[in-house]
N, C-alpha and C. Protein backbone atom coordinates (compact mmCIF):
# COMPACT_ATOMS: atom_id res chain seq x y z
N MET A 1 -26.90 24.07 14.44
CA MET A 1 -26.61 24.28 13.03
C MET A 1 -27.67 23.60 12.19
N SER A 2 -28.16 24.26 11.15
CA SER A 2 -29.18 23.65 10.31
C SER A 2 -28.56 22.59 9.43
N MET A 3 -29.38 21.68 8.95
CA MET A 3 -28.88 20.59 8.12
C MET A 3 -29.78 20.44 6.91
N LEU A 4 -29.19 20.36 5.74
CA LEU A 4 -29.93 20.11 4.52
C LEU A 4 -30.03 18.62 4.30
N GLU A 5 -31.24 18.11 4.17
CA GLU A 5 -31.44 16.70 3.91
C GLU A 5 -30.97 16.34 2.52
N THR A 6 -30.21 15.25 2.41
CA THR A 6 -29.76 14.76 1.11
C THR A 6 -30.11 13.29 0.91
N GLY A 7 -30.91 12.76 1.79
CA GLY A 7 -31.21 11.34 1.72
C GLY A 7 -30.29 10.49 2.59
N SER A 8 -29.34 11.12 3.27
CA SER A 8 -28.40 10.40 4.10
C SER A 8 -28.96 10.20 5.49
N ASP A 9 -28.91 8.97 6.00
CA ASP A 9 -29.38 8.70 7.35
C ASP A 9 -28.58 9.47 8.37
N SER A 10 -27.25 9.63 8.13
CA SER A 10 -26.42 10.35 9.09
C SER A 10 -26.84 11.80 9.18
N HIS A 11 -27.24 12.39 8.07
CA HIS A 11 -27.71 13.77 8.10
C HIS A 11 -29.01 13.87 8.89
N ARG A 12 -29.86 12.90 8.74
CA ARG A 12 -31.14 12.92 9.47
C ARG A 12 -30.89 12.82 10.98
N GLU A 13 -29.93 11.99 11.36
CA GLU A 13 -29.66 11.81 12.77
C GLU A 13 -28.99 13.04 13.37
N ALA A 14 -28.16 13.73 12.58
CA ALA A 14 -27.41 14.86 13.11
C ALA A 14 -28.27 16.09 13.29
N ALA A 15 -29.30 16.22 12.45
CA ALA A 15 -30.11 17.43 12.50
C ALA A 15 -31.05 17.40 13.70
N SER A 16 -31.38 18.59 14.18
CA SER A 16 -32.32 18.68 15.29
C SER A 16 -33.18 19.91 15.10
N GLY A 17 -34.21 20.05 15.94
CA GLY A 17 -35.08 21.21 15.84
C GLY A 17 -36.17 21.00 14.81
N PRO A 18 -36.97 22.03 14.58
CA PRO A 18 -38.09 21.92 13.64
C PRO A 18 -37.61 21.73 12.22
N THR A 19 -38.48 21.16 11.40
CA THR A 19 -38.16 20.85 10.02
C THR A 19 -38.96 21.74 9.07
N ILE A 20 -38.28 22.26 8.06
CA ILE A 20 -38.91 22.98 6.97
C ILE A 20 -38.60 22.24 5.68
N VAL A 21 -39.61 22.08 4.86
CA VAL A 21 -39.42 21.46 3.55
C VAL A 21 -39.27 22.56 2.51
N PHE A 22 -38.14 22.59 1.83
CA PHE A 22 -37.93 23.54 0.75
C PHE A 22 -38.61 22.98 -0.50
N GLY A 23 -39.57 23.74 -1.02
CA GLY A 23 -40.47 23.21 -2.05
C GLY A 23 -39.87 23.10 -3.42
N THR A 24 -38.79 22.32 -3.56
CA THR A 24 -38.18 22.10 -4.85
C THR A 24 -37.51 20.74 -4.88
N ASN A 25 -37.36 20.19 -6.08
CA ASN A 25 -36.56 18.99 -6.29
C ASN A 25 -35.20 19.35 -6.88
N ASN A 26 -34.95 20.63 -7.08
CA ASN A 26 -33.73 21.10 -7.73
C ASN A 26 -32.60 21.12 -6.71
N ALA A 27 -31.69 20.17 -6.85
CA ALA A 27 -30.60 20.05 -5.88
C ALA A 27 -29.67 21.26 -5.91
N LYS A 28 -29.51 21.88 -7.08
CA LYS A 28 -28.63 23.05 -7.17
C LYS A 28 -29.22 24.23 -6.42
N LYS A 29 -30.53 24.41 -6.52
CA LYS A 29 -31.17 25.46 -5.73
C LYS A 29 -31.03 25.17 -4.24
N ALA A 30 -31.26 23.91 -3.88
CA ALA A 30 -31.23 23.54 -2.47
C ALA A 30 -29.86 23.78 -1.86
N ARG A 31 -28.80 23.50 -2.62
CA ARG A 31 -27.45 23.67 -2.08
C ARG A 31 -27.15 25.13 -1.76
N GLU A 32 -27.80 26.05 -2.49
CA GLU A 32 -27.57 27.47 -2.21
C GLU A 32 -28.07 27.88 -0.82
N LEU A 33 -28.95 27.06 -0.24
CA LEU A 33 -29.50 27.40 1.07
C LEU A 33 -28.64 26.93 2.24
N ILE A 34 -27.74 26.01 2.00
CA ILE A 34 -27.02 25.37 3.10
C ILE A 34 -26.33 26.39 4.00
N GLU A 35 -25.51 27.25 3.39
CA GLU A 35 -24.76 28.21 4.19
C GLU A 35 -25.67 29.28 4.80
N VAL A 36 -26.69 29.69 4.04
CA VAL A 36 -27.57 30.76 4.53
C VAL A 36 -28.31 30.33 5.78
N PHE A 37 -28.80 29.09 5.80
CA PHE A 37 -29.59 28.62 6.93
C PHE A 37 -28.75 27.98 8.03
N ALA A 38 -27.43 28.01 7.88
CA ALA A 38 -26.56 27.38 8.88
C ALA A 38 -26.79 27.89 10.30
N PRO A 39 -27.07 29.18 10.53
CA PRO A 39 -27.27 29.65 11.91
C PRO A 39 -28.58 29.19 12.54
N TRP A 40 -29.49 28.68 11.75
CA TRP A 40 -30.82 28.33 12.27
C TRP A 40 -30.80 26.96 12.90
N GLU A 41 -31.45 26.84 14.06
CA GLU A 41 -31.51 25.57 14.78
C GLU A 41 -32.66 24.73 14.23
N GLY A 42 -32.46 24.16 13.10
CA GLY A 42 -33.49 23.34 12.49
C GLY A 42 -32.96 22.59 11.30
N ARG A 43 -33.85 21.93 10.60
CA ARG A 43 -33.49 21.07 9.48
C ARG A 43 -34.22 21.52 8.24
N VAL A 44 -33.54 21.49 7.12
CA VAL A 44 -34.16 21.82 5.84
C VAL A 44 -34.12 20.59 4.96
N GLN A 45 -35.28 20.16 4.52
CA GLN A 45 -35.39 19.06 3.57
C GLN A 45 -35.83 19.62 2.22
N THR A 46 -35.76 18.79 1.19
CA THR A 46 -36.32 19.13 -0.11
C THR A 46 -37.42 18.14 -0.44
N LEU A 47 -38.17 18.43 -1.49
CA LEU A 47 -39.25 17.53 -1.88
C LEU A 47 -38.74 16.15 -2.27
N ALA A 48 -37.48 16.08 -2.67
CA ALA A 48 -36.90 14.78 -3.02
C ALA A 48 -36.85 13.85 -1.82
N ASP A 49 -36.87 14.40 -0.61
CA ASP A 49 -36.81 13.60 0.61
C ASP A 49 -38.19 13.19 1.13
N ILE A 50 -39.25 13.76 0.53
CA ILE A 50 -40.58 13.59 1.08
C ILE A 50 -41.45 12.74 0.16
N PRO A 51 -41.83 11.53 0.57
CA PRO A 51 -42.72 10.71 -0.25
C PRO A 51 -44.09 11.38 -0.40
N GLY A 52 -44.63 11.32 -1.60
CA GLY A 52 -45.99 11.81 -1.81
C GLY A 52 -46.11 13.29 -2.10
N ALA A 53 -44.99 13.97 -2.31
CA ALA A 53 -45.06 15.40 -2.64
C ALA A 53 -45.77 15.59 -3.98
N ILE A 54 -46.46 16.68 -4.13
CA ILE A 54 -47.21 16.95 -5.35
C ILE A 54 -46.48 18.00 -6.20
N VAL A 55 -46.88 18.08 -7.47
CA VAL A 55 -46.40 19.14 -8.36
C VAL A 55 -47.44 20.25 -8.34
N VAL A 56 -47.04 21.44 -7.96
CA VAL A 56 -47.95 22.57 -7.87
C VAL A 56 -47.88 23.38 -9.16
N ASP A 57 -49.02 23.61 -9.77
CA ASP A 57 -49.06 24.42 -10.99
C ASP A 57 -48.74 25.87 -10.67
N GLU A 58 -47.80 26.42 -11.44
CA GLU A 58 -47.39 27.82 -11.23
C GLU A 58 -48.29 28.73 -12.06
N THR A 59 -49.47 28.99 -11.54
CA THR A 59 -50.47 29.77 -12.27
C THR A 59 -50.48 31.24 -11.87
N GLY A 60 -49.62 31.64 -10.96
CA GLY A 60 -49.58 33.02 -10.51
C GLY A 60 -49.06 33.96 -11.59
N GLN A 61 -49.39 35.23 -11.43
CA GLN A 61 -48.95 36.25 -12.38
C GLN A 61 -47.68 36.96 -11.91
N SER A 62 -47.14 36.54 -10.78
CA SER A 62 -45.92 37.15 -10.25
C SER A 62 -45.13 36.09 -9.50
N PHE A 63 -43.86 36.39 -9.25
CA PHE A 63 -43.03 35.48 -8.46
C PHE A 63 -43.62 35.30 -7.06
N ALA A 64 -44.13 36.37 -6.48
CA ALA A 64 -44.69 36.29 -5.13
C ALA A 64 -45.91 35.37 -5.09
N GLU A 65 -46.78 35.48 -6.10
CA GLU A 65 -47.97 34.63 -6.14
C GLU A 65 -47.58 33.16 -6.30
N ASN A 66 -46.62 32.88 -7.17
CA ASN A 66 -46.20 31.49 -7.37
C ASN A 66 -45.53 30.92 -6.13
N ALA A 67 -44.73 31.72 -5.44
CA ALA A 67 -44.09 31.25 -4.21
C ALA A 67 -45.13 30.87 -3.18
N ALA A 68 -46.16 31.70 -3.04
CA ALA A 68 -47.23 31.40 -2.07
C ALA A 68 -48.00 30.15 -2.46
N LEU A 69 -48.26 29.97 -3.75
CA LEU A 69 -48.96 28.77 -4.21
C LEU A 69 -48.15 27.52 -3.89
N LYS A 70 -46.86 27.55 -4.21
CA LYS A 70 -46.01 26.38 -3.95
C LYS A 70 -45.95 26.06 -2.47
N ALA A 71 -45.91 27.09 -1.64
CA ALA A 71 -45.82 26.87 -0.20
C ALA A 71 -47.12 26.32 0.38
N THR A 72 -48.23 27.01 0.10
CA THR A 72 -49.49 26.67 0.77
C THR A 72 -50.08 25.35 0.30
N GLU A 73 -50.06 25.11 -1.01
CA GLU A 73 -50.64 23.87 -1.52
C GLU A 73 -49.83 22.65 -1.09
N GLN A 74 -48.52 22.78 -1.14
CA GLN A 74 -47.67 21.65 -0.73
C GLN A 74 -47.78 21.42 0.78
N ALA A 75 -47.85 22.50 1.55
CA ALA A 75 -47.95 22.38 3.01
C ALA A 75 -49.23 21.68 3.42
N ARG A 76 -50.34 22.08 2.82
CA ARG A 76 -51.61 21.41 3.14
C ARG A 76 -51.58 19.94 2.75
N HIS A 77 -50.97 19.64 1.61
CA HIS A 77 -50.91 18.25 1.15
C HIS A 77 -50.04 17.39 2.06
N LEU A 78 -48.90 17.91 2.47
CA LEU A 78 -47.94 17.14 3.26
C LEU A 78 -48.18 17.23 4.76
N GLY A 79 -48.88 18.29 5.19
CA GLY A 79 -49.04 18.51 6.62
C GLY A 79 -47.75 18.93 7.29
N LEU A 80 -46.92 19.68 6.55
CA LEU A 80 -45.62 20.11 7.04
C LEU A 80 -45.41 21.59 6.75
N TRP A 81 -44.42 22.19 7.41
CA TRP A 81 -44.00 23.55 7.06
C TRP A 81 -43.27 23.49 5.72
N VAL A 82 -43.65 24.36 4.80
CA VAL A 82 -43.04 24.36 3.47
C VAL A 82 -42.61 25.77 3.10
N LEU A 83 -41.39 25.88 2.61
CA LEU A 83 -40.86 27.14 2.10
C LEU A 83 -40.94 27.10 0.58
N GLY A 84 -41.87 27.88 0.02
CA GLY A 84 -42.02 27.96 -1.42
C GLY A 84 -41.17 29.08 -1.98
N GLU A 85 -40.64 28.87 -3.17
CA GLU A 85 -39.78 29.86 -3.80
C GLU A 85 -40.09 29.95 -5.29
N ASP A 86 -40.12 31.16 -5.81
CA ASP A 86 -40.20 31.33 -7.25
C ASP A 86 -39.23 32.43 -7.64
N SER A 87 -38.52 32.19 -8.70
CA SER A 87 -37.50 33.14 -9.11
C SER A 87 -37.33 33.11 -10.61
N GLY A 88 -36.68 34.13 -11.13
CA GLY A 88 -36.47 34.18 -12.55
C GLY A 88 -35.72 35.42 -12.98
N LEU A 89 -35.58 35.53 -14.27
CA LEU A 89 -34.81 36.60 -14.88
C LEU A 89 -35.74 37.65 -15.46
N VAL A 90 -35.45 38.89 -15.18
CA VAL A 90 -36.23 40.03 -15.68
C VAL A 90 -35.30 40.89 -16.54
N VAL A 91 -35.59 40.97 -17.84
CA VAL A 91 -34.74 41.72 -18.77
C VAL A 91 -35.46 42.99 -19.18
N ASP A 92 -34.83 44.12 -18.94
CA ASP A 92 -35.49 45.41 -19.19
C ASP A 92 -35.85 45.61 -20.66
N ALA A 93 -34.96 45.25 -21.57
CA ALA A 93 -35.20 45.47 -23.00
C ALA A 93 -36.31 44.58 -23.55
N LEU A 94 -36.68 43.55 -22.79
CA LEU A 94 -37.75 42.64 -23.20
C LEU A 94 -39.01 42.87 -22.37
N ASP A 95 -39.14 44.07 -21.81
CA ASP A 95 -40.32 44.43 -21.02
C ASP A 95 -40.55 43.48 -19.84
N GLY A 96 -39.46 43.02 -19.25
CA GLY A 96 -39.56 42.15 -18.08
C GLY A 96 -39.54 40.67 -18.35
N ALA A 97 -39.58 40.27 -19.61
CA ALA A 97 -39.48 38.85 -19.95
C ALA A 97 -38.04 38.36 -19.67
N PRO A 98 -37.87 37.06 -19.42
CA PRO A 98 -38.89 36.01 -19.39
C PRO A 98 -39.73 35.98 -18.11
N GLY A 99 -39.30 36.65 -17.05
CA GLY A 99 -40.12 36.76 -15.84
C GLY A 99 -40.55 35.43 -15.27
N VAL A 100 -41.85 35.32 -14.97
CA VAL A 100 -42.36 34.09 -14.35
C VAL A 100 -42.27 32.89 -15.28
N TYR A 101 -41.98 33.14 -16.55
CA TYR A 101 -41.84 32.05 -17.52
C TYR A 101 -40.38 31.68 -17.75
N SER A 102 -39.49 32.09 -16.87
CA SER A 102 -38.06 31.88 -17.06
C SER A 102 -37.69 30.42 -17.32
N ALA A 103 -38.29 29.51 -16.55
CA ALA A 103 -37.93 28.09 -16.68
C ALA A 103 -38.45 27.48 -17.96
N ARG A 104 -39.49 28.08 -18.54
CA ARG A 104 -40.09 27.52 -19.75
C ARG A 104 -40.18 28.58 -20.86
N TYR A 105 -39.17 29.42 -20.92
CA TYR A 105 -39.16 30.53 -21.86
C TYR A 105 -39.25 30.04 -23.31
N ALA A 106 -38.57 28.97 -23.62
CA ALA A 106 -38.56 28.43 -24.98
C ALA A 106 -39.65 27.39 -25.21
N GLY A 107 -40.59 27.26 -24.29
CA GLY A 107 -41.69 26.32 -24.45
C GLY A 107 -41.77 25.34 -23.30
N PRO A 108 -42.86 24.58 -23.23
CA PRO A 108 -43.08 23.65 -22.11
C PRO A 108 -41.97 22.62 -21.93
N GLU A 109 -41.32 22.22 -23.01
CA GLU A 109 -40.26 21.22 -22.92
C GLU A 109 -38.87 21.85 -22.93
N ALA A 110 -38.80 23.13 -22.63
CA ALA A 110 -37.53 23.86 -22.72
C ALA A 110 -36.52 23.36 -21.69
N ASP A 111 -35.25 23.49 -22.05
CA ASP A 111 -34.16 23.25 -21.10
C ASP A 111 -33.28 24.51 -21.07
N ASP A 112 -32.23 24.47 -20.27
CA ASP A 112 -31.38 25.65 -20.11
C ASP A 112 -30.80 26.10 -21.45
N ASP A 113 -30.34 25.16 -22.25
CA ASP A 113 -29.72 25.51 -23.53
C ASP A 113 -30.70 26.24 -24.44
N ARG A 114 -31.91 25.74 -24.55
CA ARG A 114 -32.90 26.37 -25.42
C ARG A 114 -33.32 27.73 -24.90
N ASN A 115 -33.49 27.83 -23.61
CA ASN A 115 -33.86 29.13 -23.02
C ASN A 115 -32.78 30.17 -23.27
N ASN A 116 -31.53 29.79 -23.06
CA ASN A 116 -30.43 30.73 -23.27
C ASN A 116 -30.30 31.13 -24.73
N GLN A 117 -30.47 30.18 -25.63
CA GLN A 117 -30.38 30.48 -27.05
C GLN A 117 -31.48 31.45 -27.48
N LEU A 118 -32.70 31.24 -27.00
CA LEU A 118 -33.80 32.14 -27.34
C LEU A 118 -33.54 33.54 -26.79
N LEU A 119 -33.03 33.62 -25.57
CA LEU A 119 -32.73 34.92 -24.99
C LEU A 119 -31.70 35.67 -25.83
N LEU A 120 -30.66 34.97 -26.27
CA LEU A 120 -29.64 35.60 -27.11
C LEU A 120 -30.22 36.06 -28.44
N GLU A 121 -31.11 35.26 -29.01
CA GLU A 121 -31.73 35.63 -30.28
C GLU A 121 -32.56 36.90 -30.14
N ARG A 122 -33.30 37.00 -29.06
CA ARG A 122 -34.18 38.15 -28.88
C ARG A 122 -33.44 39.42 -28.47
N LEU A 123 -32.20 39.26 -28.03
CA LEU A 123 -31.38 40.42 -27.68
C LEU A 123 -30.27 40.66 -28.71
N ALA A 124 -30.36 39.99 -29.84
CA ALA A 124 -29.26 40.01 -30.82
C ALA A 124 -28.87 41.43 -31.23
N ASP A 125 -29.83 42.32 -31.40
CA ASP A 125 -29.54 43.67 -31.88
C ASP A 125 -29.54 44.71 -30.76
N VAL A 126 -29.54 44.25 -29.52
CA VAL A 126 -29.59 45.17 -28.38
C VAL A 126 -28.17 45.48 -27.91
N PRO A 127 -27.78 46.75 -27.87
CA PRO A 127 -26.41 47.10 -27.45
C PRO A 127 -26.20 46.87 -25.96
N ILE A 128 -24.95 46.86 -25.56
CA ILE A 128 -24.59 46.50 -24.20
C ILE A 128 -25.25 47.40 -23.16
N GLU A 129 -25.39 48.69 -23.45
CA GLU A 129 -25.95 49.61 -22.46
C GLU A 129 -27.43 49.38 -22.22
N ARG A 130 -28.10 48.62 -23.11
CA ARG A 130 -29.52 48.36 -22.93
C ARG A 130 -29.80 46.90 -22.55
N ARG A 131 -28.77 46.16 -22.20
CA ARG A 131 -28.94 44.74 -21.87
C ARG A 131 -29.06 44.53 -20.35
N THR A 132 -29.52 45.55 -19.64
CA THR A 132 -29.66 45.46 -18.19
C THR A 132 -30.73 44.43 -17.81
N ALA A 133 -30.49 43.78 -16.69
CA ALA A 133 -31.40 42.71 -16.24
C ALA A 133 -31.22 42.51 -14.75
N ARG A 134 -32.09 41.73 -14.18
CA ARG A 134 -31.95 41.36 -12.77
C ARG A 134 -32.58 39.99 -12.55
N PHE A 135 -32.03 39.28 -11.62
CA PHE A 135 -32.66 38.08 -11.10
C PHE A 135 -33.50 38.48 -9.90
N GLU A 136 -34.71 37.94 -9.80
CA GLU A 136 -35.58 38.17 -8.65
C GLU A 136 -35.95 36.84 -8.01
N CYS A 137 -36.11 36.85 -6.71
CA CYS A 137 -36.55 35.67 -5.97
C CYS A 137 -37.54 36.08 -4.90
N HIS A 138 -38.64 35.37 -4.81
CA HIS A 138 -39.62 35.59 -3.75
C HIS A 138 -39.82 34.26 -3.01
N MET A 139 -39.93 34.34 -1.70
CA MET A 139 -40.15 33.17 -0.86
C MET A 139 -41.37 33.37 0.02
N ALA A 140 -42.05 32.26 0.30
CA ALA A 140 -43.19 32.28 1.22
C ALA A 140 -43.11 31.03 2.09
N LEU A 141 -43.29 31.20 3.37
CA LEU A 141 -43.27 30.09 4.32
C LEU A 141 -44.69 29.82 4.79
N SER A 142 -45.15 28.59 4.58
CA SER A 142 -46.51 28.21 4.98
C SER A 142 -46.47 27.22 6.13
N ASP A 143 -47.41 27.38 7.06
CA ASP A 143 -47.57 26.38 8.11
C ASP A 143 -48.34 25.18 7.54
N PRO A 144 -48.44 24.08 8.29
CA PRO A 144 -49.08 22.88 7.76
C PRO A 144 -50.56 23.05 7.39
N GLN A 145 -51.19 24.11 7.87
CA GLN A 145 -52.59 24.36 7.55
C GLN A 145 -52.75 25.19 6.27
N GLY A 146 -51.64 25.60 5.66
CA GLY A 146 -51.70 26.37 4.43
C GLY A 146 -51.80 27.86 4.64
N GLN A 147 -51.36 28.35 5.80
CA GLN A 147 -51.37 29.78 6.09
C GLN A 147 -49.96 30.33 5.94
N VAL A 148 -49.80 31.36 5.12
CA VAL A 148 -48.49 31.98 4.93
C VAL A 148 -48.09 32.72 6.21
N ARG A 149 -46.94 32.36 6.76
CA ARG A 149 -46.47 32.94 8.02
C ARG A 149 -45.33 33.94 7.83
N ALA A 150 -44.65 33.87 6.68
CA ALA A 150 -43.54 34.78 6.43
C ALA A 150 -43.28 34.86 4.94
N VAL A 151 -42.85 36.03 4.49
CA VAL A 151 -42.48 36.22 3.08
C VAL A 151 -41.17 37.00 3.04
N SER A 152 -40.44 36.82 1.95
CA SER A 152 -39.21 37.58 1.75
C SER A 152 -38.91 37.66 0.25
N SER A 153 -38.01 38.53 -0.10
CA SER A 153 -37.62 38.66 -1.49
C SER A 153 -36.19 39.14 -1.59
N GLY A 154 -35.59 38.92 -2.76
CA GLY A 154 -34.24 39.38 -3.01
C GLY A 154 -34.04 39.58 -4.49
N ALA A 155 -33.12 40.45 -4.86
CA ALA A 155 -32.84 40.72 -6.26
C ALA A 155 -31.35 40.94 -6.45
N CYS A 156 -30.89 40.69 -7.66
CA CYS A 156 -29.49 40.89 -8.01
C CYS A 156 -29.43 41.49 -9.41
N GLY A 157 -28.84 42.67 -9.55
CA GLY A 157 -28.79 43.36 -10.83
C GLY A 157 -27.55 43.01 -11.64
N GLY A 158 -27.69 43.07 -12.95
CA GLY A 158 -26.57 42.80 -13.84
C GLY A 158 -26.95 43.11 -15.27
N ARG A 159 -26.37 42.39 -16.21
CA ARG A 159 -26.72 42.56 -17.62
C ARG A 159 -26.50 41.24 -18.35
N ILE A 160 -27.07 41.14 -19.54
CA ILE A 160 -26.98 39.92 -20.32
C ILE A 160 -25.79 39.99 -21.26
N ALA A 161 -24.90 39.04 -21.16
CA ALA A 161 -23.72 38.98 -22.01
C ALA A 161 -24.11 38.60 -23.44
N PHE A 162 -23.15 38.74 -24.35
CA PHE A 162 -23.41 38.44 -25.75
C PHE A 162 -23.22 36.96 -26.08
N ALA A 163 -22.63 36.21 -25.15
CA ALA A 163 -22.40 34.78 -25.35
C ALA A 163 -22.29 34.11 -24.00
N LEU A 164 -22.53 32.81 -23.95
CA LEU A 164 -22.39 32.02 -22.73
C LEU A 164 -20.94 32.05 -22.25
N ARG A 165 -20.78 32.25 -20.95
CA ARG A 165 -19.42 32.27 -20.38
C ARG A 165 -19.45 31.54 -19.04
N GLY A 166 -18.63 30.51 -18.92
CA GLY A 166 -18.52 29.78 -17.67
C GLY A 166 -19.41 28.56 -17.64
N SER A 167 -19.02 27.60 -16.83
CA SER A 167 -19.76 26.34 -16.72
C SER A 167 -20.41 26.15 -15.36
N GLY A 168 -20.30 27.14 -14.50
CA GLY A 168 -20.88 27.02 -13.17
C GLY A 168 -22.34 27.41 -13.16
N GLY A 169 -23.01 27.14 -12.04
CA GLY A 169 -24.41 27.52 -11.88
C GLY A 169 -25.35 26.74 -12.76
N PHE A 170 -26.48 27.34 -13.07
CA PHE A 170 -27.49 26.69 -13.90
C PHE A 170 -28.40 27.75 -14.48
N GLY A 171 -29.32 27.34 -15.33
CA GLY A 171 -30.25 28.30 -15.91
C GLY A 171 -29.54 29.35 -16.75
N TYR A 172 -29.85 30.60 -16.47
CA TYR A 172 -29.28 31.72 -17.22
C TYR A 172 -27.94 32.20 -16.66
N ASP A 173 -27.38 31.50 -15.69
CA ASP A 173 -26.16 31.96 -15.02
C ASP A 173 -25.01 32.28 -15.98
N PRO A 174 -24.78 31.46 -17.04
CA PRO A 174 -23.65 31.77 -17.93
C PRO A 174 -23.85 33.01 -18.79
N LEU A 175 -25.06 33.57 -18.80
CA LEU A 175 -25.33 34.79 -19.55
C LEU A 175 -25.46 36.02 -18.66
N PHE A 176 -25.62 35.82 -17.36
CA PHE A 176 -25.90 36.92 -16.45
C PHE A 176 -24.60 37.45 -15.88
N GLU A 177 -24.20 38.63 -16.34
CA GLU A 177 -22.93 39.22 -15.94
C GLU A 177 -23.12 40.21 -14.79
N ILE A 178 -22.33 40.03 -13.75
CA ILE A 178 -22.25 41.01 -12.67
C ILE A 178 -21.25 42.07 -13.12
N VAL A 179 -21.73 43.26 -13.38
CA VAL A 179 -20.92 44.30 -14.01
C VAL A 179 -19.67 44.60 -13.20
N GLU A 180 -19.80 44.71 -11.88
CA GLU A 180 -18.67 45.07 -11.03
C GLU A 180 -17.54 44.04 -11.08
N TYR A 181 -17.91 42.78 -11.35
CA TYR A 181 -16.92 41.70 -11.37
C TYR A 181 -16.45 41.38 -12.79
N HIS A 182 -17.18 41.88 -13.80
CA HIS A 182 -16.89 41.54 -15.20
C HIS A 182 -16.91 40.02 -15.41
N ARG A 183 -17.76 39.36 -14.66
CA ARG A 183 -17.89 37.90 -14.74
C ARG A 183 -19.36 37.55 -14.71
N THR A 184 -19.70 36.44 -15.36
CA THR A 184 -21.06 35.93 -15.26
C THR A 184 -21.17 35.06 -14.02
N PHE A 185 -22.40 34.75 -13.64
CA PHE A 185 -22.60 33.80 -12.55
C PHE A 185 -22.01 32.44 -12.90
N GLY A 186 -21.91 32.14 -14.18
CA GLY A 186 -21.30 30.89 -14.61
C GLY A 186 -19.80 30.86 -14.40
N GLU A 187 -19.18 32.06 -14.27
CA GLU A 187 -17.74 32.15 -14.07
C GLU A 187 -17.35 32.37 -12.62
N LEU A 188 -18.27 32.91 -11.83
CA LEU A 188 -17.96 33.20 -10.43
C LEU A 188 -18.01 31.94 -9.58
N SER A 189 -17.27 31.93 -8.50
CA SER A 189 -17.26 30.77 -7.61
C SER A 189 -18.59 30.66 -6.88
N PRO A 190 -18.95 29.45 -6.44
CA PRO A 190 -20.18 29.28 -5.67
C PRO A 190 -20.21 30.16 -4.43
N LEU A 191 -19.05 30.41 -3.81
CA LEU A 191 -19.00 31.23 -2.60
C LEU A 191 -19.40 32.67 -2.92
N VAL A 192 -18.87 33.21 -4.01
CA VAL A 192 -19.21 34.58 -4.40
C VAL A 192 -20.67 34.67 -4.80
N LYS A 193 -21.13 33.69 -5.56
CA LYS A 193 -22.53 33.69 -5.97
C LYS A 193 -23.45 33.63 -4.75
N ALA A 194 -23.06 32.86 -3.74
CA ALA A 194 -23.88 32.74 -2.54
C ALA A 194 -24.02 34.07 -1.81
N CYS A 195 -23.04 34.94 -1.97
CA CYS A 195 -23.12 36.26 -1.34
C CYS A 195 -24.00 37.21 -2.14
N LEU A 196 -24.01 37.06 -3.46
CA LEU A 196 -24.64 38.03 -4.34
C LEU A 196 -26.02 37.64 -4.85
N SER A 197 -26.30 36.36 -4.88
CA SER A 197 -27.48 35.90 -5.63
C SER A 197 -28.80 36.35 -5.01
N HIS A 198 -29.79 36.47 -5.86
CA HIS A 198 -31.14 36.81 -5.46
C HIS A 198 -31.71 35.81 -4.49
N ARG A 199 -31.42 34.54 -4.70
CA ARG A 199 -31.96 33.49 -3.83
C ARG A 199 -31.33 33.56 -2.45
N ALA A 200 -30.02 33.79 -2.40
CA ALA A 200 -29.35 33.91 -1.11
C ALA A 200 -29.86 35.13 -0.35
N ARG A 201 -30.11 36.22 -1.06
CA ARG A 201 -30.61 37.43 -0.40
C ARG A 201 -32.02 37.22 0.15
N ALA A 202 -32.86 36.53 -0.62
CA ALA A 202 -34.21 36.23 -0.13
C ALA A 202 -34.15 35.30 1.08
N ALA A 203 -33.25 34.33 1.04
CA ALA A 203 -33.12 33.40 2.16
C ALA A 203 -32.61 34.10 3.41
N ARG A 204 -31.65 35.02 3.23
CA ARG A 204 -31.15 35.76 4.40
C ARG A 204 -32.23 36.64 5.00
N ALA A 205 -33.11 37.16 4.15
CA ALA A 205 -34.23 37.96 4.66
C ALA A 205 -35.27 37.10 5.36
N MET A 206 -35.34 35.82 5.02
CA MET A 206 -36.27 34.90 5.66
C MET A 206 -35.76 34.43 7.01
N LEU A 207 -34.46 34.36 7.17
CA LEU A 207 -33.86 33.77 8.36
C LEU A 207 -34.33 34.40 9.68
N PRO A 208 -34.35 35.74 9.82
CA PRO A 208 -34.82 36.31 11.09
C PRO A 208 -36.27 35.96 11.39
N GLN A 209 -37.05 35.76 10.36
CA GLN A 209 -38.45 35.40 10.57
C GLN A 209 -38.58 33.96 11.08
N LEU A 210 -37.67 33.09 10.65
CA LEU A 210 -37.66 31.74 11.20
C LEU A 210 -37.34 31.76 12.69
N PHE A 211 -36.34 32.56 13.05
CA PHE A 211 -36.00 32.69 14.46
C PHE A 211 -37.19 33.22 15.27
N ARG A 212 -37.88 34.22 14.70
CA ARG A 212 -39.02 34.80 15.42
C ARG A 212 -40.12 33.76 15.61
N LEU A 213 -40.47 33.05 14.55
CA LEU A 213 -41.53 32.05 14.63
C LEU A 213 -41.16 30.92 15.59
N GLN A 214 -39.89 30.55 15.57
CA GLN A 214 -39.46 29.50 16.50
C GLN A 214 -39.46 30.00 17.93
N GLY A 215 -39.02 31.25 18.12
CA GLY A 215 -39.00 31.82 19.46
C GLY A 215 -40.38 32.00 20.05
N GLU A 216 -41.36 32.25 19.21
CA GLU A 216 -42.75 32.40 19.66
C GLU A 216 -43.45 31.06 19.83
N GLY A 217 -42.76 29.97 19.53
CA GLY A 217 -43.34 28.64 19.68
C GLY A 217 -44.30 28.27 18.57
N ILE A 218 -44.32 29.05 17.50
CA ILE A 218 -45.22 28.75 16.37
C ILE A 218 -44.60 27.69 15.46
N LEU A 219 -43.32 27.85 15.19
CA LEU A 219 -42.58 26.89 14.37
C LEU A 219 -41.85 25.95 15.31
N ARG A 220 -42.34 24.71 15.35
CA ARG A 220 -41.73 23.75 16.27
C ARG A 220 -41.90 22.33 15.74
């Protein structure tokens, strides 16, 4: 069973197999991986567990480019296997914005509240039938030499609500409504979100590649 590092010595002792560093300090993102990677015989850490991790500039023009940058640059710096991820919200009525700028939509010092408020302002006059959107996630796995060994992606379609609903999740989750459920990600349980989310889908698509790399003796 895979183990997510949380800084606990008992977790470190219980985990076995090869280690992958998930290239984020975001604990909420990291928790979404726990169940997905459970079948894998290895350990998943985050940058919070690794002394000397660097901040990688997200200069790519796409989620895929940024994921590869985060993976390869961090892997070369740390000398470890790194799983880079980039994700965000794509709104059709805004020509794909905020896209790769999702985390800093309202500016370099933006937070979730400011980003959500700006999104609502820019969609203020857009009717419900044109508020379609999707979350996208791209992942890239780099070996310690900075070579990308596997890539995956996932998406989740929905629409933007007219107001924040729910206190769960993070980022744009309280505005992102899953039409079939009539609930936002902020209202849905973590278990349901783990089944539907773009990040979970990208991680599930990555999982068979981890098994392949480990079976071939490349990831060890």
